[in-house]
Amino acid sequence: MLSMGYEPPVDIRQVTGNVVGLGTHRALQSKTDLNGVITQASRSLAEISGFSVDELIGQPHNILRHPDMPDTVYYLMWREIQADREFFGVVKNRCKNGDHYWVLTRVAPIVRKGEKVGYTSARFLPRAELVPDWEKLFADMRHAEQSSQYGDERRFKPAIDVIDRFVHRHGYGTLQQMVLSARA
């Protein structure tokens, strides 16, 4: 699920602090198997991330994970998609060279002949003025995760409370509503 013990071909902890804009790319798309291993990647995803399509295929999707991302975001995503529901979120992804880019993401199950066979993800450009709020939110969520005394799923509860307060403080009932309103 989260590819624990995975050794990526690049040091995914290396970051530059440089942001990459999505430019004219309309959507960055990928598909994975049920374990989150990339089976298809769009050329636009490869161009923005700095990986080739061939480098992405066969890798766990978290090869794009930026170390600033709280574990709780991925916990919430897996909880939703494993329950056959769509997940909407804001994500800071890491490029191959350590740069990063921000996206609104929609992840959904792929169902064929009544059977779930993988997941599809499409990412879009968020409104730039919202990024500082999400940076702060993710820092607060990471702090809540680190302060938790639990080693099981209960460790996510404090960070979930942080994101719930963030969503409600901005006048939304759900994370999905907030994310859908943030598209550029």
Protein backbone atom coordinates (compact mmCIF):
# COMPACT_ATOMS: atom_id res chain seq x y z
CA MET A 1 0.00 0.00 0.00
CA LEU A 2 2.51 2.66 1.08
CA SER A 3 5.45 0.71 -0.35
CA MET A 4 7.28 0.42 2.94
CA GLY A 5 10.86 -0.65 2.47
CA TYR A 6 10.85 0.58 -1.13
CA GLU A 7 14.26 1.74 -2.38
CA PRO A 8 13.64 4.22 -5.23
CA PRO A 9 16.19 4.76 -8.00
CA VAL A 10 16.65 8.37 -6.80
CA ASP A 11 16.95 9.90 -3.33
CA ILE A 12 13.39 11.09 -2.79
CA ARG A 13 14.45 13.03 0.33
CA GLN A 14 16.64 15.36 -1.77
CA VAL A 15 14.80 18.63 -2.38
CA THR A 16 15.86 21.92 -3.94
CA GLY A 17 13.05 24.21 -2.82
CA ASN A 18 12.49 25.21 -6.46
CA VAL A 19 8.92 25.14 -7.70
CA VAL A 20 8.05 24.00 -11.21
CA GLY A 21 4.96 25.46 -12.84
CA LEU A 22 2.62 23.23 -14.78
CA GLY A 23 2.63 25.67 -17.69
CA THR A 24 0.17 24.76 -20.43
CA HIS A 25 -0.24 21.15 -19.31
CA ARG A 26 -3.93 20.59 -18.74
CA ALA A 27 -3.72 17.42 -16.65
CA LEU A 28 -1.03 15.10 -15.42
CA GLN A 29 -2.38 11.56 -15.54
CA SER A 30 -1.34 8.13 -14.37
CA LYS A 31 -2.75 4.70 -13.63
CA THR A 32 -1.56 2.21 -11.05
CA ASP A 33 -2.25 -1.34 -10.06
CA LEU A 34 -3.99 -2.09 -6.75
CA ASN A 35 -0.69 -1.66 -4.87
CA GLY A 36 0.05 1.80 -6.25
CA VAL A 37 2.65 0.70 -8.81
CA ILE A 38 2.51 2.89 -11.93
CA THR A 39 1.23 1.07 -15.00
CA GLN A 40 0.66 4.12 -17.24
CA ALA A 41 1.90 7.70 -17.12
CA SER A 42 1.10 10.63 -19.38
CA ARG A 43 3.83 12.41 -21.26
CA SER A 44 2.88 15.61 -19.40
CA LEU A 45 3.45 13.90 -16.03
CA ALA A 46 6.86 12.73 -17.22
CA GLU A 47 7.79 16.19 -18.51
CA ILE A 48 6.84 17.98 -15.29
CA SER A 49 8.37 15.37 -12.96
CA GLY A 50 11.63 15.05 -14.89
CA PHE A 51 11.27 11.28 -15.15
CA SER A 52 10.75 9.58 -18.48
CA VAL A 53 7.55 7.61 -18.95
CA ASP A 54 9.67 4.44 -18.95
CA GLU A 55 11.29 5.43 -15.63
CA LEU A 56 7.86 5.90 -14.04
CA ILE A 57 6.30 2.64 -15.27
CA GLY A 58 6.81 -0.12 -12.73
CA GLN A 59 7.66 2.25 -9.88
CA PRO A 60 5.49 2.83 -6.80
CA HIS A 61 3.62 6.11 -7.22
CA ASN A 62 5.33 7.46 -4.15
CA ILE A 63 8.46 7.96 -6.25
CA LEU A 64 6.82 11.39 -6.75
CA ARG A 65 6.15 11.97 -3.04
CA HIS A 66 7.67 15.11 -1.61
CA PRO A 67 8.99 14.68 1.96
CA ASP A 68 6.86 17.66 3.08
CA MET A 69 3.70 15.63 2.50
CA PRO A 70 2.07 14.36 5.70
CA ASP A 71 1.49 10.61 5.93
CA THR A 72 -2.12 11.36 6.86
CA VAL A 73 -2.94 12.63 3.36
CA TYR A 74 -1.99 9.24 1.93
CA TYR A 75 -3.78 7.42 4.73
CA LEU A 76 -6.98 9.32 3.83
CA MET A 77 -6.45 8.67 0.12
CA TRP A 78 -5.98 4.91 0.58
CA ARG A 79 -8.96 4.75 2.93
CA GLU A 80 -11.19 6.35 0.30
CA ILE A 81 -10.02 4.51 -2.80
CA GLN A 82 -9.93 1.11 -1.11
CA ALA A 83 -13.57 1.74 -0.18
CA ASP A 84 -14.26 2.37 -3.90
CA ARG A 85 -14.68 6.12 -3.46
CA GLU A 86 -12.87 8.98 -5.20
CA PHE A 87 -10.27 10.96 -3.30
CA PHE A 88 -9.67 14.66 -3.89
CA GLY A 89 -6.67 16.39 -2.38
CA VAL A 90 -3.93 18.94 -2.78
CA VAL A 91 -0.47 17.45 -3.16
CA LYS A 92 3.09 18.73 -3.27
CA ASN A 93 4.96 16.34 -5.59
CA ARG A 94 8.70 15.98 -5.98
CA CYS A 95 10.50 16.03 -9.32
CA LYS A 96 13.38 13.71 -10.13
CA ASN A 97 15.91 16.53 -9.55
CA GLY A 98 14.40 17.58 -6.20
CA ASP A 99 12.26 20.46 -7.50
CA HIS A 100 8.54 20.32 -6.71
CA TYR A 101 5.13 21.15 -8.13
CA TRP A 102 1.68 21.59 -6.59
CA VAL A 103 -1.41 19.85 -7.90
CA LEU A 104 -5.04 19.23 -7.14
CA THR A 105 -5.49 15.50 -7.49
CA ARG A 106 -8.38 13.17 -8.08
CA VAL A 107 -7.73 9.48 -7.50
CA ALA A 108 -10.41 6.94 -8.35
CA PRO A 109 -10.73 3.17 -8.65
CA ILE A 110 -10.64 1.59 -12.11
CA VAL A 111 -13.35 -1.06 -12.37
CA ARG A 112 -13.54 -3.56 -15.22
CA LYS A 113 -16.30 -6.14 -15.48
CA GLY A 114 -17.32 -5.37 -11.91
CA GLU A 115 -13.84 -5.90 -10.47
CA LYS A 116 -11.47 -3.21 -9.21
CA VAL A 117 -8.20 -3.56 -11.14
CA GLY A 118 -6.30 -0.40 -10.22
CA TYR A 119 -6.50 3.34 -9.74
CA THR A 120 -6.44 6.36 -12.01
CA SER A 121 -5.18 9.77 -11.04
CA ALA A 122 -5.52 13.13 -12.73
CA ARG A 123 -3.81 16.21 -11.41
CA PHE A 124 -4.58 19.84 -12.15
CA LEU A 125 -3.11 23.25 -11.37
CA PRO A 126 -4.31 24.81 -8.11
CA ARG A 127 -4.78 28.54 -7.67
CA ALA A 128 -1.35 29.91 -6.71
CA GLU A 129 -2.61 32.10 -3.87
CA LEU A 130 -3.77 28.98 -1.99
CA VAL A 131 -0.37 27.27 -1.86
CA PRO A 132 0.94 29.11 1.26
CA ASP A 133 -2.14 27.98 3.22
CA TRP A 134 -1.52 24.37 2.16
CA GLU A 135 2.19 24.63 3.05
CA LYS A 136 1.18 25.74 6.56
CA LEU A 137 -1.49 23.06 6.80
CA PHE A 138 0.98 20.32 5.86
CA ALA A 139 3.51 21.60 8.42
CA ASP A 140 0.78 21.57 11.10
CA MET A 141 -0.28 18.05 10.07
CA ARG A 142 3.31 16.75 10.19
CA HIS A 143 3.69 18.26 13.66
CA ALA A 144 0.45 16.57 14.79
CA GLU A 145 1.68 13.24 13.38
CA GLN A 146 5.03 13.56 15.15
CA SER A 147 3.31 14.45 18.43
CA SER A 148 1.11 11.36 18.37
CA GLN A 149 1.92 8.67 20.91
CA TYR A 150 0.49 5.87 18.79
CA GLY A 151 2.15 3.62 16.26
CA ASP A 152 -1.05 2.35 14.65
CA GLU A 153 -3.88 4.05 12.73
CA ARG A 154 -4.71 6.19 15.78
CA ARG A 155 -1.59 8.22 14.99
CA PHE A 156 -3.47 9.84 12.09
CA LYS A 157 -6.34 11.20 14.22
CA PRO A 158 -4.59 14.41 15.39
CA ALA A 159 -3.62 15.32 11.81
CA ILE A 160 -7.13 14.50 10.56
CA ASP A 161 -8.45 16.91 13.20
CA VAL A 162 -6.03 19.56 11.87
CA ILE A 163 -7.23 19.15 8.28
CA ASP A 164 -10.90 19.07 9.35
CA ARG A 165 -10.47 22.39 11.21
CA PHE A 166 -8.70 23.84 8.16
CA VAL A 167 -11.53 22.82 5.83
CA HIS A 168 -14.25 24.16 8.12
CA ARG A 169 -12.34 27.39 8.86
CA HIS A 170 -12.34 28.05 5.10
CA GLY A 171 -16.12 27.56 4.95
CA TYR A 172 -16.34 24.09 3.43
CA GLY A 173 -18.08 20.98 4.70
CA THR A 174 -15.64 18.47 3.19
CA LEU A 175 -12.11 18.30 1.85
CA GLN A 176 -13.53 17.35 -1.55
CA GLN A 177 -15.61 20.55 -1.74
CA MET A 178 -12.60 22.64 -0.80
CA VAL A 179 -10.29 20.98 -3.30
CA LEU A 180 -12.77 21.26 -6.16
CA SER A 181 -13.07 25.00 -5.49
CA ALA A 182 -9.29 25.49 -5.62
CA ARG A 183 -8.71 24.68 -9.29
CA ALA A 184 -7.02 27.41 -11.29
